[in-house]
PDB file of N, CA and C in Angstrom:
ATOM      1  N   UNK A   1       0.770  -1.147  -0.090  1.00  0.00           N
ATOM      2  CA  UNK A   1       0.008  -0.077  -0.050  1.00  0.00           C
ATOM      3  C   UNK A   1       0.880   1.307   0.087  1.00  0.00           C
ATOM      4  N   UNK A   2       0.500   2.132  -0.848  1.00  0.00           N
ATOM      5  CA  UNK A   2       1.256   3.511  -0.876  1.00  0.00           C
ATOM      6  C   UNK A   2       1.330   4.282   0.361  1.00  0.00           C
ATOM      7  N   UNK A   3       2.221   4.840   0.749  1.00  0.00           N
ATOM      8  CA  UNK A   3       2.495   5.836   1.941  1.00  0.00           C
ATOM      9  C   UNK A   3       2.145   7.201   1.579  1.00  0.00           C
ATOM     10  N   UNK A   4       1.518   7.916   2.462  1.00  0.00           N
ATOM     11  CA  UNK A   4       1.473   9.403   2.403  1.00  0.00           C
ATOM     12  C   UNK A   4       2.722  10.457   2.457  1.00  0.00           C
ATOM     13  N   UNK A   5       2.455  11.688   2.215  1.00  0.00           N
ATOM     14  CA  UNK A   5       3.515  12.492   2.450  1.00  0.00           C
ATOM     15  C   UNK A   5       3.946  12.700   4.024  1.00  0.00           C
ATOM     16  N   UNK A   6       5.209  13.022   4.080  1.00  0.00           N
ATOM     17  CA  UNK A   6       5.845  13.105   5.439  1.00  0.00           C
ATOM     18  C   UNK A   6       5.151  14.573   5.911  1.00  0.00           C
ATOM     19  N   UNK A   7       4.471  14.715   6.846  1.00  0.00           N
ATOM     20  CA  UNK A   7       4.009  15.755   7.441  1.00  0.00           C
ATOM     21  C   UNK A   7       5.007  16.338   8.633  1.00  0.00           C
ATOM     22  N   UNK A   8       5.498  15.400   9.303  1.00  0.00           N
ATOM     23  CA  UNK A   8       6.434  15.688  10.332  1.00  0.00           C
ATOM     24  C   UNK A   8       7.403  14.386  10.864  1.00  0.00           C
ATOM     25  N   UNK A   9       8.447  14.573  11.358  1.00  0.00           N
ATOM     26  CA  UNK A   9       9.483  13.443  11.631  1.00  0.00           C
ATOM     27  C   UNK A   9       9.248  13.249  13.165  1.00  0.00           C
ATOM     28  N   UNK A  10       8.118  13.361  13.706  1.00  0.00           N
ATOM     29  CA  UNK A  10       7.840  12.999  15.010  1.00  0.00           C
ATOM     30  C   UNK A  10       6.274  12.590  15.228  1.00  0.00           C
ATOM     31  N   UNK A  11       6.125  11.781  16.166  1.00  0.00           N
ATOM     32  CA  UNK A  11       4.489  11.738  16.421  1.00  0.00           C
ATOM     33  C   UNK A  11       3.762  12.968  17.152  1.00  0.00           C
ATOM     34  N   UNK A  12       2.623  12.807  16.999  1.00  0.00           N
ATOM     35  CA  UNK A  12       1.874  13.799  17.790  1.00  0.00           C
ATOM     36  C   UNK A  12       1.268  13.013  19.080  1.00  0.00           C
ATOM     37  N   UNK A  13       1.916  13.377  20.183  1.00  0.00           N
ATOM     38  CA  UNK A  13       1.478  12.850  21.388  1.00  0.00           C
ATOM     39  C   UNK A  13       0.382  13.453  21.985  1.00  0.00           C
ATOM     40  N   UNK A  14      -0.844  12.899  22.198  1.00  0.00           N
ATOM     41  CA  UNK A  14      -2.074  13.917  22.584  1.00  0.00           C
ATOM     42  C   UNK A  14      -2.815  12.974  23.516  1.00  0.00           C
ATOM     43  N   UNK A  15      -3.468  13.883  24.410  1.00  0.00           N
ATOM     44  CA  UNK A  15      -4.452  13.187  25.284  1.00  0.00           C
ATOM     45  C   UNK A  15      -5.916  13.267  24.727  1.00  0.00           C
ATOM     46  N   UNK A  16      -6.617  12.413  24.231  1.00  0.00           N
ATOM     47  CA  UNK A  16      -7.845  12.445  23.500  1.00  0.00           C
ATOM     48  C   UNK A  16      -8.979  12.041  24.552  1.00  0.00           C
ATOM     49  N   UNK A  17     -10.150  12.599  24.136  1.00  0.00           N
ATOM     50  CA  UNK A  17     -11.200  12.191  24.881  1.00  0.00           C
ATOM     51  C   UNK A  17     -11.986  10.940  24.353  1.00  0.00           C
ATOM     52  N   UNK A  18     -12.819  10.221  24.874  1.00  0.00           N
ATOM     53  CA  UNK A  18     -13.422   9.433  24.183  1.00  0.00           C
ATOM     54  C   UNK A  18     -14.291   9.660  23.006  1.00  0.00           C
ATOM     55  N   UNK A  19     -14.159   8.932  21.990  1.00  0.00           N
ATOM     56  CA  UNK A  19     -15.037   9.513  20.574  1.00  0.00           C
ATOM     57  C   UNK A  19     -14.184   8.888  19.472  1.00  0.00           C
ATOM     58  N   UNK A  20     -14.748   9.349  18.345  1.00  0.00           N
ATOM     59  CA  UNK A  20     -14.300   9.140  17.003  1.00  0.00           C
ATOM     60  C   UNK A  20     -13.514  10.264  16.376  1.00  0.00           C
ATOM     61  N   UNK A  21     -12.192   9.911  15.873  1.00  0.00           N
ATOM     62  CA  UNK A  21     -11.451  10.763  15.342  1.00  0.00           C
ATOM     63  C   UNK A  21     -11.055  10.219  13.924  1.00  0.00           C
ATOM     64  N   UNK A  22     -10.523  11.140  12.900  1.00  0.00           N
ATOM     65  CA  UNK A  22     -10.217  10.719  11.674  1.00  0.00           C
ATOM     66  C   UNK A  22      -8.651  11.145  11.299  1.00  0.00           C
ATOM     67  N   UNK A  23      -7.884  10.258  11.239  1.00  0.00           N
ATOM     68  CA  UNK A  23      -6.375  10.455  11.080  1.00  0.00           C
ATOM     69  C   UNK A  23      -6.124  10.662   9.719  1.00  0.00           C
ATOM     70  N   UNK A  24      -5.152  11.480   9.407  1.00  0.00           N
ATOM     71  CA  UNK A  24      -4.778  11.749   8.038  1.00  0.00           C
ATOM     72  C   UNK A  24      -3.809  10.933   7.690  1.00  0.00           C
ATOM     73  N   UNK A  25      -4.263  10.292   6.343  1.00  0.00           N
ATOM     74  CA  UNK A  25      -3.246   9.163   5.837  1.00  0.00           C
ATOM     75  C   UNK A  25      -2.343   9.867   4.816  1.00  0.00           C
ATOM     76  N   UNK A  26      -2.941  10.747   4.182  1.00  0.00           N
ATOM     77  CA  UNK A  26      -2.337  11.394   3.023  1.00  0.00           C
ATOM     78  C   UNK A  26      -1.091  12.211   3.172  1.00  0.00           C
ATOM     79  N   UNK A  27      -0.918  12.958   4.575  1.00  0.00           N
ATOM     80  CA  UNK A  27      -0.126  13.780   4.758  1.00  0.00           C
ATOM     81  C   UNK A  27      -0.168  15.253   4.382  1.00  0.00           C
ATOM     82  N   UNK A  28      -1.324  15.660   3.489  1.00  0.00           N
ATOM     83  CA  UNK A  28      -1.530  16.825   3.165  1.00  0.00           C
ATOM     84  C   UNK A  28      -2.562  17.859   4.111  1.00  0.00           C
ATOM     85  N   UNK A  29      -3.015  17.183   5.070  1.00  0.00           N
ATOM     86  CA  UNK A  29      -4.017  18.058   5.881  1.00  0.00           C
ATOM     87  C   UNK A  29      -3.222  19.081   6.762  1.00  0.00           C
ATOM     88  N   UNK A  30      -3.898  20.245   6.656  1.00  0.00           N
ATOM     89  CA  UNK A  30      -3.357  21.454   7.511  1.00  0.00           C
ATOM     90  C   UNK A  30      -3.621  21.343   9.084  1.00  0.00           C
ATOM     91  N   UNK A  31      -4.344  20.178   9.417  1.00  0.00           N
ATOM     92  CA  UNK A  31      -4.764  19.809  10.838  1.00  0.00           C
ATOM     93  C   UNK A  31      -4.388  18.700  11.335  1.00  0.00           C
ATOM     94  N   UNK A  32      -3.048  18.481  10.899  1.00  0.00           N
ATOM     95  CA  UNK A  32      -2.247  17.355  11.365  1.00  0.00           C
ATOM     96  C   UNK A  32      -2.382  16.934  12.849  1.00  0.00           C
ATOM     97  N   UNK A  33      -2.555  15.749  13.294  1.00  0.00           N
ATOM     98  CA  UNK A  33      -2.613  14.482  12.588  1.00  0.00           C
ATOM     99  C   UNK A  33      -3.800  14.049  11.992  1.00  0.00           C
ATOM    100  N   UNK A  34      -4.838  15.056  12.023  1.00  0.00           N
ATOM    101  CA  UNK A  34      -6.324  14.732  11.740  1.00  0.00           C
ATOM    102  C   UNK A  34      -6.548  15.194  10.417  1.00  0.00           C
ATOM    103  N   UNK A  35      -7.582  14.413   9.785  1.00  0.00           N
ATOM    104  CA  UNK A  35      -7.973  14.947   8.406  1.00  0.00           C
ATOM    105  C   UNK A  35      -8.645  16.125   8.239  1.00  0.00           C
ATOM    106  N   UNK A  36      -8.462  17.004   7.205  1.00  0.00           N
ATOM    107  CA  UNK A  36      -9.316  18.075   6.760  1.00  0.00           C
ATOM    108  C   UNK A  36      -9.677  18.022   5.501  1.00  0.00           C
ATOM    109  N   UNK A  37      -9.798  16.858   4.800  1.00  0.00           N
ATOM    110  CA  UNK A  37     -10.495  16.726   3.577  1.00  0.00           C
ATOM    111  C   UNK A  37      -9.415  16.899   2.303  1.00  0.00           C
ATOM    112  N   UNK A  38      -8.161  17.029   2.806  1.00  0.00           N
ATOM    113  CA  UNK A  38      -7.147  17.454   1.750  1.00  0.00           C
ATOM    114  C   UNK A  38      -6.950  16.104   0.748  1.00  0.00           C
ATOM    115  N   UNK A  39      -7.209  15.087   1.200  1.00  0.00           N
ATOM    116  CA  UNK A  39      -6.999  13.751   0.457  1.00  0.00           C
ATOM    117  C   UNK A  39      -7.846  13.861  -0.872  1.00  0.00           C
ATOM    118  N   UNK A  40      -8.858  14.669  -0.890  1.00  0.00           N
ATOM    119  CA  UNK A  40      -9.876  14.694  -1.964  1.00  0.00           C
ATOM    120  C   UNK A  40      -9.131  14.612  -3.370  1.00  0.00           C
ATOM    121  N   UNK A  41      -9.259  13.627  -4.201  1.00  0.00           N
ATOM    122  CA  UNK A  41      -8.613  13.366  -5.662  1.00  0.00           C
ATOM    123  C   UNK A  41      -7.332  12.720  -5.480  1.00  0.00           C
ATOM    124  N   UNK A  42      -6.882  11.954  -4.271  1.00  0.00           N
ATOM    125  CA  UNK A  42      -5.781  11.228  -4.291  1.00  0.00           C
ATOM    126  C   UNK A  42      -6.269   9.826  -3.810  1.00  0.00           C
ATOM    127  N   UNK A  43      -5.272   8.912  -3.890  1.00  0.00           N
ATOM    128  CA  UNK A  43      -5.753   7.373  -3.654  1.00  0.00           C
ATOM    129  C   UNK A  43      -5.928   7.251  -1.961  1.00  0.00           C
ATOM    130  N   UNK A  44      -5.905   8.163  -1.228  1.00  0.00           N
ATOM    131  CA  UNK A  44      -5.877   8.143   0.197  1.00  0.00           C
ATOM    132  C   UNK A  44      -7.297   8.468   0.730  1.00  0.00           C
ATOM    133  N   UNK A  45      -7.459   8.064   1.852  1.00  0.00           N
ATOM    134  CA  UNK A  45      -8.777   8.435   2.702  1.00  0.00           C
ATOM    135  C   UNK A  45      -8.327   8.395   4.220  1.00  0.00           C
ATOM    136  N   UNK A  46      -9.130   9.023   5.111  1.00  0.00           N
ATOM    137  CA  UNK A  46      -8.749   8.936   6.424  1.00  0.00           C
ATOM    138  C   UNK A  46      -8.914   7.856   7.118  1.00  0.00           C
ATOM    139  N   UNK A  47      -8.158   7.381   8.222  1.00  0.00           N
ATOM    140  CA  UNK A  47      -8.425   6.372   8.949  1.00  0.00           C
ATOM    141  C   UNK A  47      -9.273   6.676  10.196  1.00  0.00           C
ATOM    142  N   UNK A  48      -9.990   5.753  10.410  1.00  0.00           N
ATOM    143  CA  UNK A  48     -11.163   5.997  11.625  1.00  0.00           C
ATOM    144  C   UNK A  48     -10.313   5.520  12.894  1.00  0.00           C
ATOM    145  N   UNK A  49     -10.374   6.419  13.895  1.00  0.00           N
ATOM    146  CA  UNK A  49      -9.682   5.934  15.362  1.00  0.00           C
ATOM    147  C   UNK A  49     -10.844   5.999  16.237  1.00  0.00           C
ATOM    148  N   UNK A  50     -11.440   5.057  16.833  1.00  0.00           N
ATOM    149  CA  UNK A  50     -12.429   5.060  17.898  1.00  0.00           C
ATOM    150  C   UNK A  50     -11.752   4.853  19.247  1.00  0.00           C
ATOM    151  N   UNK A  51     -11.902   5.843  20.259  1.00  0.00           N
ATOM    152  CA  UNK A  51     -11.568   5.558  21.701  1.00  0.00           C
ATOM    153  C   UNK A  51     -12.782   5.476  22.557  1.00  0.00           C
ATOM    154  N   UNK A  52     -12.500   4.461  23.352  1.00  0.00           N
ATOM    155  CA  UNK A  52     -13.786   4.046  24.365  1.00  0.00           C
ATOM    156  C   UNK A  52     -13.638   4.742  25.523  1.00  0.00           C
ATOM    157  N   UNK A  53     -12.305   5.234  25.900  1.00  0.00           N
ATOM    158  CA  UNK A  53     -12.226   6.083  26.932  1.00  0.00           C
ATOM    159  C   UNK A  53     -10.991   7.087  26.770  1.00  0.00           C
ATOM    160  N   UNK A  54     -10.976   8.191  27.463  1.00  0.00           N
ATOM    161  CA  UNK A  54      -9.763   9.230  27.431  1.00  0.00           C
ATOM    162  C   UNK A  54      -8.390   8.397  27.580  1.00  0.00           C
ATOM    163  N   UNK A  55      -7.625   8.830  26.800  1.00  0.00           N
ATOM    164  CA  UNK A  55      -6.224   8.159  26.699  1.00  0.00           C
ATOM    165  C   UNK A  55      -5.365   8.923  25.919  1.00  0.00           C
ATOM    166  N   UNK A  56      -3.923   8.881  26.314  1.00  0.00           N
ATOM    167  CA  UNK A  56      -2.772   9.374  25.731  1.00  0.00           C
ATOM    168  C   UNK A  56      -2.381   8.343  24.500  1.00  0.00           C
ATOM    169  N   UNK A  57      -2.147   9.171  23.471  1.00  0.00           N
ATOM    170  CA  UNK A  57      -1.901   8.359  22.151  1.00  0.00           C
ATOM    171  C   UNK A  57      -0.898   9.102  21.388  1.00  0.00           C
ATOM    172  N   UNK A  58       0.038   8.307  20.647  1.00  0.00           N
ATOM    173  CA  UNK A  58       0.971   8.834  19.805  1.00  0.00           C
ATOM    174  C   UNK A  58       0.663   8.642  18.438  1.00  0.00           C
ATOM    175  N   UNK A  59       0.086   9.467  17.847  1.00  0.00           N
ATOM    176  CA  UNK A  59      -0.377   9.208  16.183  1.00  0.00           C
ATOM    177  C   UNK A  59       0.923   9.637  15.263  1.00  0.00           C
ATOM    178  N   UNK A  60       0.984   8.759  14.311  1.00  0.00           N
ATOM    179  CA  UNK A  60       2.038   9.080  13.295  1.00  0.00           C
ATOM    180  C   UNK A  60       1.692  10.256  12.408  1.00  0.00           C
ATOM    181  N   UNK A  61       2.754  11.216  12.248  1.00  0.00           N
ATOM    182  CA  UNK A  61       2.896  12.147  11.261  1.00  0.00           C
ATOM    183  C   UNK A  61       3.587  12.048  10.212  1.00  0.00           C
ATOM    184  N   UNK A  62       4.445  10.940  10.265  1.00  0.00           N
ATOM    185  CA  UNK A  62       5.382  10.818   8.990  1.00  0.00           C
ATOM    186  C   UNK A  62       4.563  10.048   7.965  1.00  0.00           C
ATOM    187  N   UNK A  63       3.437   9.255   8.393  1.00  0.00           N
ATOM    188  CA  UNK A  63       2.725   8.540   7.436  1.00  0.00           C
ATOM    189  C   UNK A  63       3.220   7.319   6.993  1.00  0.00           C
ATOM    190  N   UNK A  64       4.558   6.906   7.388  1.00  0.00           N
ATOM    191  CA  UNK A  64       5.184   5.679   6.820  1.00  0.00           C
ATOM    192  C   UNK A  64       4.997   4.456   7.685  1.00  0.00           C
ATOM    193  N   UNK A  65       4.227   4.779   8.875  1.00  0.00           N
ATOM    194  CA  UNK A  65       3.898   3.669   9.916  1.00  0.00           C
ATOM    195  C   UNK A  65       3.180   2.542   9.283  1.00  0.00           C
ATOM    196  N   UNK A  66       3.524   1.334   9.987  1.00  0.00           N
ATOM    197  CA  UNK A  66       2.727   0.090   9.466  1.00  0.00           C
ATOM    198  C   UNK A  66       1.436  -0.277  10.501  1.00  0.00           C
ATOM    199  N   UNK A  67       1.340   0.586  11.545  1.00  0.00           N
ATOM    200  CA  UNK A  67       0.247   0.498  12.571  1.00  0.00           C
ATOM    201  C   UNK A  67      -0.358   1.681  12.371  1.00  0.00           C
ATOM    202  N   UNK A  68      -1.102   2.012  11.344  1.00  0.00           N
ATOM    203  CA  UNK A  68      -1.879   3.324  11.252  1.00  0.00           C
ATOM    204  C   UNK A  68      -3.119   3.193  12.277  1.00  0.00           C
ATOM    205  N   UNK A  69      -3.425   4.235  13.069  1.00  0.00           N
ATOM    206  CA  UNK A  69      -2.820   5.570  12.785  1.00  0.00           C
ATOM    207  C   UNK A  69      -1.603   5.752  13.904  1.00  0.00           C
ATOM    208  N   UNK A  70      -1.322   4.795  14.526  1.00  0.00           N
ATOM    209  CA  UNK A  70      -0.223   5.082  15.548  1.00  0.00           C
ATOM    210  C   UNK A  70       1.207   4.974  15.299  1.00  0.00           C
ATOM    211  N   UNK A  71       2.040   5.613  15.789  1.00  0.00           N
ATOM    212  CA  UNK A  71       3.260   5.739  15.455  1.00  0.00           C
ATOM    213  C   UNK A  71       3.971   4.485  15.932  1.00  0.00           C
ATOM    214  N   UNK A  72       4.844   4.049  14.871  1.00  0.00           N
ATOM    215  CA  UNK A  72       5.659   2.724  15.153  1.00  0.00           C
ATOM    216  C   UNK A  72       7.063   2.914  15.228  1.00  0.00           C
ATOM    217  N   UNK A  73       7.691   4.163  15.221  1.00  0.00           N
ATOM    218  CA  UNK A  73       8.840   4.656  15.493  1.00  0.00           C
ATOM    219  C   UNK A  73       9.753   4.509  13.890  1.00  0.00           C
ATOM    220  N   UNK A  74       8.872   4.550  12.877  1.00  0.00           N
ATOM    221  CA  UNK A  74       9.489   4.474  11.549  1.00  0.00           C
ATOM    222  C   UNK A  74      10.208   5.933  11.341  1.00  0.00           C
ATOM    223  N   UNK A  75       9.617   6.995  11.773  1.00  0.00           N
ATOM    224  CA  UNK A  75      10.043   8.201  11.733  1.00  0.00           C
ATOM    225  C   UNK A  75      11.603   8.341  11.913  1.00  0.00           C
ATOM    226  N   UNK A  76      11.997   7.743  13.002  1.00  0.00           N
ATOM    227  CA  UNK A  76      13.418   7.712  13.344  1.00  0.00           C
ATOM    228  C   UNK A  76      14.388   7.096  12.219  1.00  0.00           C
ATOM    229  N   UNK A  77      13.968   6.433  11.183  1.00  0.00           N
ATOM    230  CA  UNK A  77      14.737   5.799  10.176  1.00  0.00           C
ATOM    231  C   UNK A  77      14.754   6.674   8.909  1.00  0.00           C
ATOM    232  N   UNK A  78      13.989   7.681   8.802  1.00  0.00           N
ATOM    233  CA  UNK A  78      13.913   8.429   7.777  1.00  0.00           C
ATOM    234  C   UNK A  78      14.945   9.761   7.667  1.00  0.00           C
ATOM    235  N   UNK A  79      15.296  10.001   6.446  1.00  0.00           N
ATOM    236  CA  UNK A  79      16.612  11.047   6.318  1.00  0.00           C
ATOM    237  C   UNK A  79      16.022  12.298   6.139  1.00  0.00           C
TER     238      UNK A  79
END
């Protein structure tokens, strides 16, 4: 599967409330790490993230992770 554009080379570590979030897969959103619809016309779409309770998450911003939408450390291998 193709990977999106690199938005940042570090994760977004956030404390999120319970609810539904849409993670940007394309890397083009101005609202990183969340989708703002910038993927329109690309092969990418947002990834749904549902949280049952408030929790701290590390969301990928390099868009190269194999554990979407979570950071798997891939950013540390990018040049």
